[in-house]
Amino acid sequence: MARYYRYRLPPWARNCIIVVERVTLPILIFQLIRTLLFPSSLDVFLLGILVGIFIAFYLEWI
C-alpha cells in the first residue's frame, strides 16, 4: 500500500489542501449551529461529512 504524502503533490494541489484544511473548522461550526437551530436530514448529512473531513485532517489521513 502506497503512503500518501502531501508534500509530493504539485504546489497548487498543496495550496488547495491547505485552504480546505483551514476553512473546514469555521464551516463545521456554522453547520453545527444551523443543524441545532433548523434540523433537517440534509443538514445532518452535511454535518456528518464535514466532521469526517475534519477528523481526516486532524488525524493527518489527508
C-alpha atoms as a PDB file:
ATOM      1  CA  MET A   1       0.000   0.000   0.000  1.00  0.00           C
ATOM      2  CA  ALA A   2       1.469   3.332  -1.054  1.00  0.00           C
ATOM      3  CA  ARG A   3       1.614   6.011   1.592  1.00  0.00           C
ATOM      4  CA  TYR A   4       0.019   9.333   0.713  1.00  0.00           C
ATOM      5  CA  TYR A   5       2.489  12.201   1.026  1.00  0.00           C
ATOM      6  CA  ARG A   6       1.040  15.679   0.876  1.00  0.00           C
ATOM      7  CA  TYR A   7       4.421  17.213   0.083  1.00  0.00           C
ATOM      8  CA  ARG A   8       4.927  15.184  -3.101  1.00  0.00           C
ATOM      9  CA  LEU A   9       1.995  16.928  -4.729  1.00  0.00           C
ATOM     10  CA  PRO A  10       2.408  19.946  -7.023  1.00  0.00           C
ATOM     11  CA  PRO A  11       2.357  23.308  -5.239  1.00  0.00           C
ATOM     12  CA  TRP A  12      -1.138  24.215  -6.489  1.00  0.00           C
ATOM     13  CA  ALA A  13      -2.563  20.975  -5.088  1.00  0.00           C
ATOM     14  CA  ARG A  14      -0.858  21.512  -1.727  1.00  0.00           C
ATOM     15  CA  ASN A  15      -2.298  25.031  -1.577  1.00  0.00           C
ATOM     16  CA  CYS A  16      -5.797  23.680  -2.267  1.00  0.00           C
ATOM     17  CA  ILE A  17      -5.436  21.124   0.534  1.00  0.00           C
ATOM     18  CA  ILE A  18      -4.183  23.797   2.948  1.00  0.00           C
ATOM     19  CA  VAL A  19      -7.098  26.102   2.121  1.00  0.00           C
ATOM     20  CA  VAL A  20      -9.640  23.306   2.596  1.00  0.00           C
ATOM     21  CA  GLU A  21      -7.970  22.328   5.880  1.00  0.00           C
ATOM     22  CA  ARG A  22      -8.163  25.863   7.259  1.00  0.00           C
ATOM     23  CA  VAL A  23     -11.728  26.531   6.120  1.00  0.00           C
ATOM     24  CA  THR A  24     -13.175  23.253   7.410  1.00  0.00           C
ATOM     25  CA  LEU A  25     -13.463  24.225  11.096  1.00  0.00           C
ATOM     26  CA  PRO A  26     -15.417  27.508  10.625  1.00  0.00           C
ATOM     27  CA  ILE A  27     -17.787  25.821   8.157  1.00  0.00           C
ATOM     28  CA  LEU A  28     -18.183  22.902  10.584  1.00  0.00           C
ATOM     29  CA  ILE A  29     -19.103  25.247  13.441  1.00  0.00           C
ATOM     30  CA  PHE A  30     -21.579  27.140  11.248  1.00  0.00           C
ATOM     31  CA  GLN A  31     -23.192  23.891  10.091  1.00  0.00           C
ATOM     32  CA  LEU A  32     -23.418  22.621  13.682  1.00  0.00           C
ATOM     33  CA  ILE A  33     -25.250  25.778  14.766  1.00  0.00           C
ATOM     34  CA  ARG A  34     -27.521  25.586  11.719  1.00  0.00           C
ATOM     35  CA  THR A  35     -28.289  21.929  12.419  1.00  0.00           C
ATOM     36  CA  LEU A  36     -29.132  22.672  16.040  1.00  0.00           C
ATOM     37  CA  LEU A  37     -31.463  25.553  15.105  1.00  0.00           C
ATOM     38  CA  PHE A  38     -33.105  24.168  11.944  1.00  0.00           C
ATOM     39  CA  PRO A  39     -32.568  20.412  11.821  1.00  0.00           C
ATOM     40  CA  SER A  40     -33.224  18.575   8.594  1.00  0.00           C
ATOM     41  CA  SER A  41     -31.880  15.370   7.111  1.00  0.00           C
ATOM     42  CA  LEU A  42     -29.701  17.305   4.646  1.00  0.00           C
ATOM     43  CA  ASP A  43     -28.148  19.360   7.456  1.00  0.00           C
ATOM     44  CA  VAL A  44     -27.347  16.246   9.472  1.00  0.00           C
ATOM     45  CA  PHE A  45     -25.838  14.598   6.373  1.00  0.00           C
ATOM     46  CA  LEU A  46     -23.659  17.657   5.625  1.00  0.00           C
ATOM     47  CA  LEU A  47     -22.587  17.852   9.249  1.00  0.00           C
ATOM     48  CA  GLY A  48     -21.523  14.202   9.165  1.00  0.00           C
ATOM     49  CA  ILE A  49     -19.470  14.758   6.020  1.00  0.00           C
ATOM     50  CA  LEU A  50     -17.806  17.853   7.498  1.00  0.00           C
ATOM     51  CA  VAL A  51     -16.997  16.031  10.738  1.00  0.00           C
ATOM     52  CA  GLY A  52     -15.448  13.204   8.720  1.00  0.00           C
ATOM     53  CA  ILE A  53     -13.319  15.620   6.689  1.00  0.00           C
ATOM     54  CA  PHE A  54     -12.242  17.460   9.842  1.00  0.00           C
ATOM     55  CA  ILE A  55     -11.241  14.213  11.572  1.00  0.00           C
ATOM     56  CA  ALA A  56      -9.331  13.095   8.473  1.00  0.00           C
ATOM     57  CA  PHE A  57      -7.322  16.333   8.500  1.00  0.00           C
ATOM     58  CA  TYR A  58      -6.838  16.225  12.278  1.00  0.00           C
ATOM     59  CA  LEU A  59      -5.504  12.658  12.209  1.00  0.00           C
ATOM     60  CA  GLU A  60      -3.425  13.545   9.122  1.00  0.00           C
ATOM     61  CA  TRP A  61      -5.061  10.950   6.887  1.00  0.00           C
ATOM     62  CA  ILE A  62      -5.178  13.630   4.199  1.00  0.00           C
END
